[in-house]
Amino acid sequence: MAYNETLANRVREALADAPNVEEKKMFRGVTFMVDDKMCVSVSGDELMLRLDPEITEQLVEENGTRPMIHGGKHMKGFIYISEERFRNKKDFDHWIKLALDYNPIAKSSKK
């Protein structure tokens, strides 16, 4: 599945001032690593965000969100957001801010 390049460009713009941003092809799209930690991904027309696991449990109950399932297992702290939830700039910025706010305390997957 191809990812939405326009959405990826919106993420690039939103992360322009963040330190140590790196792009990697993964999760059937493009993932933006911040300080060697997965922060935001664009997969198809959706965002996948790494957020505080405490809030993702509540958020996956809302319309337009779903948990990340990997190998049949619910990945706590990772959530998919459908396009309807971030069409306007205010909503988009809100989601990106949640991911960036969690990034400093997220564990690095780099070994």
Protein backbone atom coordinates (compact mmCIF):
# COMPACT_ATOMS: atom_id res chain seq x y z
CA MET A 1 0.00 0.00 0.00
CA ALA A 2 1.36 3.40 -0.95
CA TYR A 3 1.30 6.15 1.61
CA ASN A 4 -0.22 9.58 1.17
CA GLU A 5 2.71 11.82 0.16
CA THR A 6 0.71 14.99 0.89
CA LEU A 7 0.14 13.77 4.44
CA ALA A 8 3.82 12.85 4.77
CA ASN A 9 4.70 16.40 3.71
CA ARG A 10 2.38 17.78 6.40
CA VAL A 11 4.25 15.68 8.96
CA ARG A 12 7.62 16.83 7.59
CA GLU A 13 6.49 20.43 8.00
CA ALA A 14 5.21 19.82 11.51
CA LEU A 15 8.51 18.20 12.55
CA ALA A 16 10.74 20.75 10.81
CA ASP A 17 11.86 22.28 14.12
CA ALA A 18 12.19 19.00 16.01
CA PRO A 19 15.76 17.84 16.65
CA ASN A 20 17.18 14.65 15.17
CA VAL A 21 14.36 13.66 12.79
CA GLU A 22 15.00 10.71 10.51
CA GLU A 23 12.66 9.08 7.98
CA LYS A 24 12.47 5.32 7.54
CA LYS A 25 10.33 3.19 5.27
CA MET A 26 8.33 0.91 7.57
CA PHE A 27 4.77 0.01 8.58
CA ARG A 28 3.76 0.06 4.89
CA GLY A 29 4.63 3.73 4.72
CA VAL A 30 7.09 6.23 6.09
CA THR A 31 8.00 6.55 9.76
CA PHE A 32 9.44 9.65 11.34
CA MET A 33 11.93 8.88 14.08
CA VAL A 34 12.70 11.63 16.59
CA ASP A 35 15.82 11.09 18.69
CA ASP A 36 16.01 7.47 17.45
CA LYS A 37 12.44 6.76 18.61
CA MET A 38 9.43 6.04 16.44
CA CYS A 39 7.17 9.08 16.75
CA VAL A 40 4.81 9.40 13.76
CA SER A 41 4.11 7.20 10.75
CA VAL A 42 2.10 7.76 7.61
CA SER A 43 0.49 4.57 6.33
CA GLY A 44 -1.99 4.99 3.50
CA ASP A 45 -4.16 7.95 4.50
CA GLU A 46 -3.74 7.37 8.23
CA LEU A 47 -1.37 8.60 10.88
CA MET A 48 0.09 6.13 13.30
CA LEU A 49 1.32 7.79 16.47
CA ARG A 50 3.34 6.69 19.44
CA LEU A 51 1.61 8.16 22.47
CA ASP A 52 1.49 7.68 26.19
CA PRO A 53 0.02 4.19 26.68
CA GLU A 54 -2.27 5.56 29.39
CA ILE A 55 -4.11 7.81 26.94
CA THR A 56 -4.13 5.43 23.97
CA GLU A 57 -6.34 3.04 25.93
CA GLN A 58 -8.96 5.79 26.14
CA LEU A 59 -8.43 7.11 22.61
CA VAL A 60 -9.00 3.77 20.84
CA GLU A 61 -12.60 3.91 22.06
CA GLU A 62 -13.25 7.03 19.96
CA ASN A 63 -14.48 7.09 16.36
CA GLY A 64 -11.72 7.42 13.79
CA THR A 65 -9.07 5.68 15.90
CA ARG A 66 -7.91 2.10 16.21
CA PRO A 67 -5.17 0.29 18.04
CA MET A 68 -2.03 -0.94 16.32
CA ILE A 69 -2.10 -4.72 16.06
CA HIS A 70 1.21 -6.46 15.32
CA GLY A 71 1.46 -10.23 15.14
CA GLY A 72 -2.05 -10.48 16.58
CA LYS A 73 -1.02 -8.46 19.63
CA HIS A 74 -2.35 -5.04 20.64
CA MET A 75 0.65 -2.70 20.81
CA LYS A 76 0.05 -0.39 23.76
CA GLY A 77 1.08 3.18 23.12
CA PHE A 78 0.56 3.01 19.35
CA ILE A 79 -2.62 4.21 17.66
CA TYR A 80 -3.90 4.75 14.14
CA ILE A 81 -5.82 7.95 13.45
CA SER A 82 -8.08 8.19 10.40
CA GLU A 83 -8.05 11.20 8.12
CA GLU A 84 -11.39 12.46 9.44
CA ARG A 85 -9.72 13.17 12.81
CA PHE A 86 -6.99 15.49 11.45
CA ARG A 87 -8.36 17.29 8.39
CA ASN A 88 -7.93 20.76 9.80
CA LYS A 89 -4.63 22.21 11.00
CA LYS A 90 -5.73 22.55 14.63
CA ASP A 91 -6.61 18.86 14.93
CA PHE A 92 -3.51 17.76 13.00
CA ASP A 93 -1.26 19.88 15.24
CA HIS A 94 -2.95 18.42 18.33
CA TRP A 95 -2.08 14.84 17.32
CA ILE A 96 1.49 15.71 16.38
CA LYS A 97 1.94 17.54 19.70
CA LEU A 98 0.74 14.48 21.64
CA ALA A 99 3.35 12.34 19.87
CA LEU A 100 6.13 14.88 20.40
CA ASP A 101 5.18 15.35 24.06
CA TYR A 102 5.56 11.62 24.69
CA ASN A 103 8.76 11.22 22.67
CA PRO A 104 11.22 12.36 25.41
CA ILE A 105 9.98 9.67 27.81
CA ALA A 106 9.47 6.92 25.22
CA LYS A 107 12.04 4.14 25.22
CA SER A 108 14.42 4.01 22.30
CA SER A 109 14.29 0.88 20.20
CA LYS A 110 17.91 1.45 19.18
CA LYS A 111 20.24 -1.13 20.67
